[in-house]
Amino acid sequence: MRELSKGEVAMSSSATTHAIELGTVKDVAAILTIHEKTVWRWMREDDTFPRQIRLSSACSRWDLNAVRAWIAGRVEVQQ
């Protein structure tokens, strides 16, 4: 199994093990080249935008692969 990079956590099921890359709102904003406030607005206004994963009452992270997949889906729709 490969070594996990920073921000990745191992998730396992009975059949496979895969890594989920978690990121902060700042990371999501950087991927999308938008302001952090826009991430939160899109969460409120767009039901298709990936939801945060609450790790605690004060800690939220996003699955960055889900964010990238959301972007890819938006690009496909526009083509």
PDB file of N, CA and C in Angstrom:
ATOM      1  N   MET A   1       0.844  -1.177   0.000  1.00  0.00           N
ATOM      2  CA  MET A   1       0.000   0.000   0.000  1.00  0.00           C
ATOM      3  C   MET A   1       0.891   1.243   0.000  1.00  0.00           C
ATOM      4  N   ARG A   2       0.487   2.283  -0.720  1.00  0.00           N
ATOM      5  CA  ARG A   2       1.302   3.483  -0.829  1.00  0.00           C
ATOM      6  C   ARG A   2       1.255   4.310   0.448  1.00  0.00           C
ATOM      7  N   GLU A   3       2.260   5.138   0.631  1.00  0.00           N
ATOM      8  CA  GLU A   3       2.319   6.026   1.786  1.00  0.00           C
ATOM      9  C   GLU A   3       1.373   7.199   1.565  1.00  0.00           C
ATOM     10  N   LEU A   4       0.647   7.592   2.610  1.00  0.00           N
ATOM     11  CA  LEU A   4      -0.303   8.693   2.514  1.00  0.00           C
ATOM     12  C   LEU A   4       0.420  10.027   2.586  1.00  0.00           C
ATOM     13  N   SER A   5      -0.046  10.971   1.785  1.00  0.00           N
ATOM     14  CA  SER A   5       0.525  12.312   1.830  1.00  0.00           C
ATOM     15  C   SER A   5      -0.236  13.155   2.851  1.00  0.00           C
ATOM     16  N   LYS A   6       0.268  14.354   3.109  1.00  0.00           N
ATOM     17  CA  LYS A   6      -0.367  15.262   4.055  1.00  0.00           C
ATOM     18  C   LYS A   6      -1.815  15.516   3.647  1.00  0.00           C
ATOM     19  N   GLY A   7      -2.716  15.434   4.592  1.00  0.00           N
ATOM     20  CA  GLY A   7      -4.123  15.711   4.322  1.00  0.00           C
ATOM     21  C   GLY A   7      -4.919  14.500   3.883  1.00  0.00           C
ATOM     22  N   GLU A   8      -4.281  13.345   3.737  1.00  0.00           N
ATOM     23  CA  GLU A   8      -4.992  12.144   3.323  1.00  0.00           C
ATOM     24  C   GLU A   8      -5.229  11.245   4.527  1.00  0.00           C
ATOM     25  N   VAL A   9      -6.350  10.572   4.503  1.00  0.00           N
ATOM     26  CA  VAL A   9      -6.649   9.587   5.530  1.00  0.00           C
ATOM     27  C   VAL A   9      -7.021   8.290   4.847  1.00  0.00           C
ATOM     28  N   ALA A  10      -6.664   7.190   5.442  1.00  0.00           N
ATOM     29  CA  ALA A  10      -6.989   5.882   4.864  1.00  0.00           C
ATOM     30  C   ALA A  10      -8.406   5.507   5.251  1.00  0.00           C
ATOM     31  N   MET A  11      -9.182   5.121   4.285  1.00  0.00           N
ATOM     32  CA  MET A  11     -10.533   4.637   4.522  1.00  0.00           C
ATOM     33  C   MET A  11     -10.562   3.204   4.011  1.00  0.00           C
ATOM     34  N   SER A  12     -11.069   2.290   4.806  1.00  0.00           N
ATOM     35  CA  SER A  12     -11.081   0.911   4.346  1.00  0.00           C
ATOM     36  C   SER A  12     -12.484   0.339   4.404  1.00  0.00           C
ATOM     37  N   SER A  13     -12.735  -0.529   3.480  1.00  0.00           N
ATOM     38  CA  SER A  13     -13.968  -1.302   3.472  1.00  0.00           C
ATOM     39  C   SER A  13     -13.540  -2.762   3.427  1.00  0.00           C
ATOM     40  N   SER A  14     -14.476  -3.645   3.368  1.00  0.00           N
ATOM     41  CA  SER A  14     -14.118  -5.053   3.366  1.00  0.00           C
ATOM     42  C   SER A  14     -13.332  -5.441   2.120  1.00  0.00           C
ATOM     43  N   ALA A  15     -13.532  -4.735   1.015  1.00  0.00           N
ATOM     44  CA  ALA A  15     -12.884  -5.123  -0.230  1.00  0.00           C
ATOM     45  C   ALA A  15     -11.641  -4.303  -0.561  1.00  0.00           C
ATOM     46  N   THR A  16     -11.660  -3.007  -0.275  1.00  0.00           N
ATOM     47  CA  THR A  16     -10.566  -2.151  -0.717  1.00  0.00           C
ATOM     48  C   THR A  16     -10.171  -1.149   0.350  1.00  0.00           C
ATOM     49  N   THR A  17      -9.006  -0.570   0.142  1.00  0.00           N
ATOM     50  CA  THR A  17      -8.541   0.544   0.959  1.00  0.00           C
ATOM     51  C   THR A  17      -8.181   1.664   0.000  1.00  0.00           C
ATOM     52  N   HIS A  18      -8.660   2.878   0.263  1.00  0.00           N
ATOM     53  CA  HIS A  18      -8.342   4.018  -0.586  1.00  0.00           C
ATOM     54  C   HIS A  18      -8.138   5.255   0.276  1.00  0.00           C
ATOM     55  N   ALA A  19      -7.496   6.236  -0.289  1.00  0.00           N
ATOM     56  CA  ALA A  19      -7.193   7.456   0.454  1.00  0.00           C
ATOM     57  C   ALA A  19      -8.173   8.562   0.068  1.00  0.00           C
ATOM     58  N   ILE A  20      -8.606   9.299   1.075  1.00  0.00           N
ATOM     59  CA  ILE A  20      -9.431  10.491   0.850  1.00  0.00           C
ATOM     60  C   ILE A  20      -8.560  11.680   1.218  1.00  0.00           C
ATOM     61  N   GLU A  21      -8.448  12.605   0.303  1.00  0.00           N
ATOM     62  CA  GLU A  21      -7.661  13.808   0.568  1.00  0.00           C
ATOM     63  C   GLU A  21      -8.584  14.862   1.163  1.00  0.00           C
ATOM     64  N   LEU A  22      -8.342  15.218   2.417  1.00  0.00           N
ATOM     65  CA  LEU A  22      -9.165  16.208   3.099  1.00  0.00           C
ATOM     66  C   LEU A  22      -8.500  17.571   3.027  1.00  0.00           C
ATOM     67  N   GLY A  23      -9.311  18.613   2.897  1.00  0.00           N
ATOM     68  CA  GLY A  23      -8.781  19.966   2.841  1.00  0.00           C
ATOM     69  C   GLY A  23      -9.670  20.945   3.581  1.00  0.00           C
ATOM     70  N   THR A  24      -9.098  22.067   3.916  1.00  0.00           N
ATOM     71  CA  THR A  24      -9.819  23.133   4.609  1.00  0.00           C
ATOM     72  C   THR A  24     -10.584  23.985   3.599  1.00  0.00           C
ATOM     73  N   VAL A  25     -11.382  24.909   4.113  1.00  0.00           N
ATOM     74  CA  VAL A  25     -12.085  25.848   3.238  1.00  0.00           C
ATOM     75  C   VAL A  25     -11.069  26.647   2.417  1.00  0.00           C
ATOM     76  N   LYS A  26      -9.934  26.931   3.018  1.00  0.00           N
ATOM     77  CA  LYS A  26      -8.871  27.654   2.312  1.00  0.00           C
ATOM     78  C   LYS A  26      -8.350  26.823   1.133  1.00  0.00           C
ATOM     79  N   ASP A  27      -8.192  25.518   1.339  1.00  0.00           N
ATOM     80  CA  ASP A  27      -7.741  24.631   0.259  1.00  0.00           C
ATOM     81  C   ASP A  27      -8.763  24.571  -0.872  1.00  0.00           C
ATOM     82  N   VAL A  28     -10.045  24.464  -0.498  1.00  0.00           N
ATOM     83  CA  VAL A  28     -11.117  24.419  -1.507  1.00  0.00           C
ATOM     84  C   VAL A  28     -11.128  25.716  -2.310  1.00  0.00           C
ATOM     85  N   ALA A  29     -11.034  26.842  -1.618  1.00  0.00           N
ATOM     86  CA  ALA A  29     -11.022  28.145  -2.293  1.00  0.00           C
ATOM     87  C   ALA A  29      -9.827  28.248  -3.241  1.00  0.00           C
ATOM     88  N   ALA A  30      -8.682  27.734  -2.830  1.00  0.00           N
ATOM     89  CA  ALA A  30      -7.482  27.791  -3.679  1.00  0.00           C
ATOM     90  C   ALA A  30      -7.658  26.937  -4.934  1.00  0.00           C
ATOM     91  N   ILE A  31      -8.241  25.761  -4.796  1.00  0.00           N
ATOM     92  CA  ILE A  31      -8.479  24.898  -5.964  1.00  0.00           C
ATOM     93  C   ILE A  31      -9.393  25.597  -6.958  1.00  0.00           C
ATOM     94  N   LEU A  32     -10.416  26.267  -6.438  1.00  0.00           N
ATOM     95  CA  LEU A  32     -11.414  26.920  -7.294  1.00  0.00           C
ATOM     96  C   LEU A  32     -11.034  28.352  -7.674  1.00  0.00           C
ATOM     97  N   THR A  33      -9.959  28.846  -7.112  1.00  0.00           N
ATOM     98  CA  THR A  33      -9.508  30.235  -7.282  1.00  0.00           C
ATOM     99  C   THR A  33     -10.641  31.231  -6.996  1.00  0.00           C
ATOM    100  N   ILE A  34     -11.265  31.025  -5.824  1.00  0.00           N
ATOM    101  CA  ILE A  34     -12.335  31.898  -5.348  1.00  0.00           C
ATOM    102  C   ILE A  34     -12.030  32.287  -3.907  1.00  0.00           C
ATOM    103  N   HIS A  35     -12.799  33.201  -3.354  1.00  0.00           N
ATOM    104  CA  HIS A  35     -12.651  33.611  -1.967  1.00  0.00           C
ATOM    105  C   HIS A  35     -13.300  32.563  -1.057  1.00  0.00           C
ATOM    106  N   GLU A  36     -12.794  32.430   0.139  1.00  0.00           N
ATOM    107  CA  GLU A  36     -13.344  31.475   1.105  1.00  0.00           C
ATOM    108  C   GLU A  36     -14.831  31.724   1.366  1.00  0.00           C
ATOM    109  N   LYS A  37     -15.241  32.989   1.399  1.00  0.00           N
ATOM    110  CA  LYS A  37     -16.660  33.304   1.624  1.00  0.00           C
ATOM    111  C   LYS A  37     -17.533  32.746   0.499  1.00  0.00           C
ATOM    112  N   THR A  38     -16.982  32.676  -0.712  1.00  0.00           N
ATOM    113  CA  THR A  38     -17.730  32.132  -1.842  1.00  0.00           C
ATOM    114  C   THR A  38     -17.971  30.637  -1.655  1.00  0.00           C
ATOM    115  N   VAL A  39     -17.012  29.931  -1.077  1.00  0.00           N
ATOM    116  CA  VAL A  39     -17.204  28.503  -0.785  1.00  0.00           C
ATOM    117  C   VAL A  39     -18.430  28.332   0.106  1.00  0.00           C
ATOM    118  N   TRP A  40     -18.496  29.107   1.172  1.00  0.00           N
ATOM    119  CA  TRP A  40     -19.632  29.004   2.090  1.00  0.00           C
ATOM    120  C   TRP A  40     -20.951  29.406   1.412  1.00  0.00           C
ATOM    121  N   ARG A  41     -20.915  30.418   0.554  1.00  0.00           N
ATOM    122  CA  ARG A  41     -22.128  30.840  -0.160  1.00  0.00           C
ATOM    123  C   ARG A  41     -22.601  29.739  -1.096  1.00  0.00           C
ATOM    124  N   TRP A  42     -21.655  29.147  -1.839  1.00  0.00           N
ATOM    125  CA  TRP A  42     -22.019  28.062  -2.750  1.00  0.00           C
ATOM    126  C   TRP A  42     -22.602  26.875  -1.976  1.00  0.00           C
ATOM    127  N   MET A  43     -22.082  26.626  -0.787  1.00  0.00           N
ATOM    128  CA  MET A  43     -22.633  25.549   0.040  1.00  0.00           C
ATOM    129  C   MET A  43     -24.099  25.818   0.363  1.00  0.00           C
ATOM    130  N   ARG A  44     -24.426  27.075   0.627  1.00  0.00           N
ATOM    131  CA  ARG A  44     -25.816  27.447   0.939  1.00  0.00           C
ATOM    132  C   ARG A  44     -26.709  27.407  -0.290  1.00  0.00           C
ATOM    133  N   GLU A  45     -26.185  27.864  -1.422  1.00  0.00           N
ATOM    134  CA  GLU A  45     -27.020  28.110  -2.591  1.00  0.00           C
ATOM    135  C   GLU A  45     -27.027  26.996  -3.637  1.00  0.00           C
ATOM    136  N   ASP A  46     -26.036  26.131  -3.658  1.00  0.00           N
ATOM    137  CA  ASP A  46     -25.914  25.114  -4.708  1.00  0.00           C
ATOM    138  C   ASP A  46     -25.955  23.721  -4.078  1.00  0.00           C
ATOM    139  N   ASP A  47     -27.056  23.017  -4.288  1.00  0.00           N
ATOM    140  CA  ASP A  47     -27.208  21.677  -3.710  1.00  0.00           C
ATOM    141  C   ASP A  47     -26.231  20.665  -4.282  1.00  0.00           C
ATOM    142  N   THR A  48     -25.604  20.977  -5.411  1.00  0.00           N
ATOM    143  CA  THR A  48     -24.661  20.030  -6.014  1.00  0.00           C
ATOM    144  C   THR A  48     -23.235  20.220  -5.506  1.00  0.00           C
ATOM    145  N   PHE A  49     -22.969  21.334  -4.829  1.00  0.00           N
ATOM    146  CA  PHE A  49     -21.621  21.606  -4.330  1.00  0.00           C
ATOM    147  C   PHE A  49     -21.284  20.633  -3.202  1.00  0.00           C
ATOM    148  N   PRO A  50     -20.071  20.077  -3.211  1.00  0.00           N
ATOM    149  CA  PRO A  50     -19.696  19.103  -2.171  1.00  0.00           C
ATOM    150  C   PRO A  50     -19.834  19.685  -0.763  1.00  0.00           C
ATOM    151  N   ARG A  51     -20.378  18.879   0.124  1.00  0.00           N
ATOM    152  CA  ARG A  51     -20.589  19.286   1.504  1.00  0.00           C
ATOM    153  C   ARG A  51     -19.350  19.021   2.346  1.00  0.00           C
ATOM    154  N   GLN A  52     -19.212  19.795   3.379  1.00  0.00           N
ATOM    155  CA  GLN A  52     -18.096  19.609   4.298  1.00  0.00           C
ATOM    156  C   GLN A  52     -18.323  18.351   5.133  1.00  0.00           C
ATOM    157  N   ILE A  53     -17.233  17.841   5.641  1.00  0.00           N
ATOM    158  CA  ILE A  53     -17.269  16.721   6.575  1.00  0.00           C
ATOM    159  C   ILE A  53     -16.945  17.306   7.942  1.00  0.00           C
ATOM    160  N   ARG A  54     -17.880  17.213   8.873  1.00  0.00           N
ATOM    161  CA  ARG A  54     -17.657  17.763  10.216  1.00  0.00           C
ATOM    162  C   ARG A  54     -16.886  16.745  11.037  1.00  0.00           C
ATOM    163  N   LEU A  55     -15.677  17.095  11.419  1.00  0.00           N
ATOM    164  CA  LEU A  55     -14.858  16.229  12.255  1.00  0.00           C
ATOM    165  C   LEU A  55     -15.089  16.512  13.728  1.00  0.00           C
ATOM    166  N   SER A  56     -15.492  17.728  14.036  1.00  0.00           N
ATOM    167  CA  SER A  56     -15.865  18.121  15.398  1.00  0.00           C
ATOM    168  C   SER A  56     -16.702  19.389  15.282  1.00  0.00           C
ATOM    169  N   SER A  57     -17.110  19.935  16.400  1.00  0.00           N
ATOM    170  CA  SER A  57     -17.928  21.144  16.353  1.00  0.00           C
ATOM    171  C   SER A  57     -17.159  22.342  15.798  1.00  0.00           C
ATOM    172  N   ALA A  58     -15.841  22.293  15.853  1.00  0.00           N
ATOM    173  CA  ALA A  58     -15.027  23.419  15.393  1.00  0.00           C
ATOM    174  C   ALA A  58     -14.125  23.067  14.211  1.00  0.00           C
ATOM    175  N   CYS A  59     -14.326  21.891  13.619  1.00  0.00           N
ATOM    176  CA  CYS A  59     -13.414  21.450  12.556  1.00  0.00           C
ATOM    177  C   CYS A  59     -14.189  20.821  11.404  1.00  0.00           C
ATOM    178  N   SER A  60     -14.113  21.450  10.233  1.00  0.00           N
ATOM    179  CA  SER A  60     -14.742  20.932   9.020  1.00  0.00           C
ATOM    180  C   SER A  60     -13.681  20.751   7.948  1.00  0.00           C
ATOM    181  N   ARG A  61     -13.829  19.714   7.163  1.00  0.00           N
ATOM    182  CA  ARG A  61     -12.934  19.467   6.033  1.00  0.00           C
ATOM    183  C   ARG A  61     -13.773  19.026   4.851  1.00  0.00           C
ATOM    184  N   TRP A  62     -13.200  19.171   3.650  1.00  0.00           N
ATOM    185  CA  TRP A  62     -13.842  18.735   2.424  1.00  0.00           C
ATOM    186  C   TRP A  62     -13.039  17.607   1.821  1.00  0.00           C
ATOM    187  N   ASP A  63     -13.727  16.714   1.144  1.00  0.00           N
ATOM    188  CA  ASP A  63     -13.075  15.693   0.335  1.00  0.00           C
ATOM    189  C   ASP A  63     -12.655  16.407  -0.948  1.00  0.00           C
ATOM    190  N   LEU A  64     -11.368  16.662  -1.099  1.00  0.00           N
ATOM    191  CA  LEU A  64     -10.886  17.441  -2.243  1.00  0.00           C
ATOM    192  C   LEU A  64     -11.094  16.712  -3.560  1.00  0.00           C
ATOM    193  N   ASN A  65     -11.135  15.377  -3.531  1.00  0.00           N
ATOM    194  CA  ASN A  65     -11.445  14.633  -4.760  1.00  0.00           C
ATOM    195  C   ASN A  65     -12.892  14.877  -5.176  1.00  0.00           C
ATOM    196  N   ALA A  66     -13.800  15.025  -4.210  1.00  0.00           N
ATOM    197  CA  ALA A  66     -15.198  15.345  -4.519  1.00  0.00           C
ATOM    198  C   ALA A  66     -15.303  16.750  -5.110  1.00  0.00           C
ATOM    199  N   VAL A  67     -14.495  17.667  -4.613  1.00  0.00           N
ATOM    200  CA  VAL A  67     -14.478  19.029  -5.160  1.00  0.00           C
ATOM    201  C   VAL A  67     -13.993  18.989  -6.612  1.00  0.00           C
ATOM    202  N   ARG A  68     -12.920  18.250  -6.859  1.00  0.00           N
ATOM    203  CA  ARG A  68     -12.398  18.139  -8.234  1.00  0.00           C
ATOM    204  C   ARG A  68     -13.407  17.460  -9.161  1.00  0.00           C
ATOM    205  N   ALA A  69     -14.117  16.461  -8.656  1.00  0.00           N
ATOM    206  CA  ALA A  69     -15.147  15.789  -9.452  1.00  0.00           C
ATOM    207  C   ALA A  69     -16.299  16.745  -9.762  1.00  0.00           C
ATOM    208  N   TRP A  70     -16.653  17.601  -8.795  1.00  0.00           N
ATOM    209  CA  TRP A  70     -17.701  18.595  -9.011  1.00  0.00           C
ATOM    210  C   TRP A  70     -17.290  19.549 -10.132  1.00  0.00           C
ATOM    211  N   ILE A  71     -16.029  19.976 -10.109  1.00  0.00           N
ATOM    212  CA  ILE A  71     -15.514  20.856 -11.168  1.00  0.00           C
ATOM    213  C   ILE A  71     -15.606  20.152 -12.512  1.00  0.00           C
ATOM    214  N   ALA A  72     -15.166  18.907 -12.566  1.00  0.00           N
ATOM    215  CA  ALA A  72     -15.187  18.142 -13.826  1.00  0.00           C
ATOM    216  C   ALA A  72     -16.616  18.013 -14.348  1.00  0.00           C
ATOM    217  N   GLY A  73     -17.567  17.795 -13.441  1.00  0.00           N
ATOM    218  CA  GLY A  73     -18.965  17.706 -13.845  1.00  0.00           C
ATOM    219  C   GLY A  73     -19.485  19.016 -14.411  1.00  0.00           C
ATOM    220  N   ARG A  74     -19.057  20.118 -13.841  1.00  0.00           N
ATOM    221  CA  ARG A  74     -19.467  21.433 -14.351  1.00  0.00           C
ATOM    222  C   ARG A  74     -18.890  21.673 -15.739  1.00  0.00           C
ATOM    223  N   VAL A  75     -17.659  21.254 -15.945  1.00  0.00           N
ATOM    224  CA  VAL A  75     -17.007  21.433 -17.257  1.00  0.00           C
ATOM    225  C   VAL A  75     -17.726  20.586 -18.305  1.00  0.00           C
ATOM    226  N   GLU A  76     -18.088  19.325 -17.943  1.00  0.00           N
ATOM    227  CA  GLU A  76     -18.787  18.449 -18.887  1.00  0.00           C
ATOM    228  C   GLU A  76     -20.127  19.020 -19.294  1.00  0.00           C
ATOM    229  N   VAL A  77     -20.860  19.596 -18.345  1.00  0.00           N
ATOM    230  CA  VAL A  77     -22.169  20.174 -18.639  1.00  0.00           C
ATOM    231  C   VAL A  77     -22.055  21.331 -19.613  1.00  0.00           C
ATOM    232  N   GLN A  78     -20.992  22.111 -19.520  1.00  0.00           N
ATOM    233  CA  GLN A  78     -20.840  23.290 -20.365  1.00  0.00           C
ATOM    234  C   GLN A  78     -20.327  22.955 -21.758  1.00  0.00           C
ATOM    235  N   GLN A  79     -19.813  21.770 -21.955  1.00  0.00           N
ATOM    236  CA  GLN A  79     -19.262  21.424 -23.283  1.00  0.00           C
ATOM    237  C   GLN A  79     -20.313  20.940 -24.225  1.00  0.00           C
TER     238      GLN A  79
END
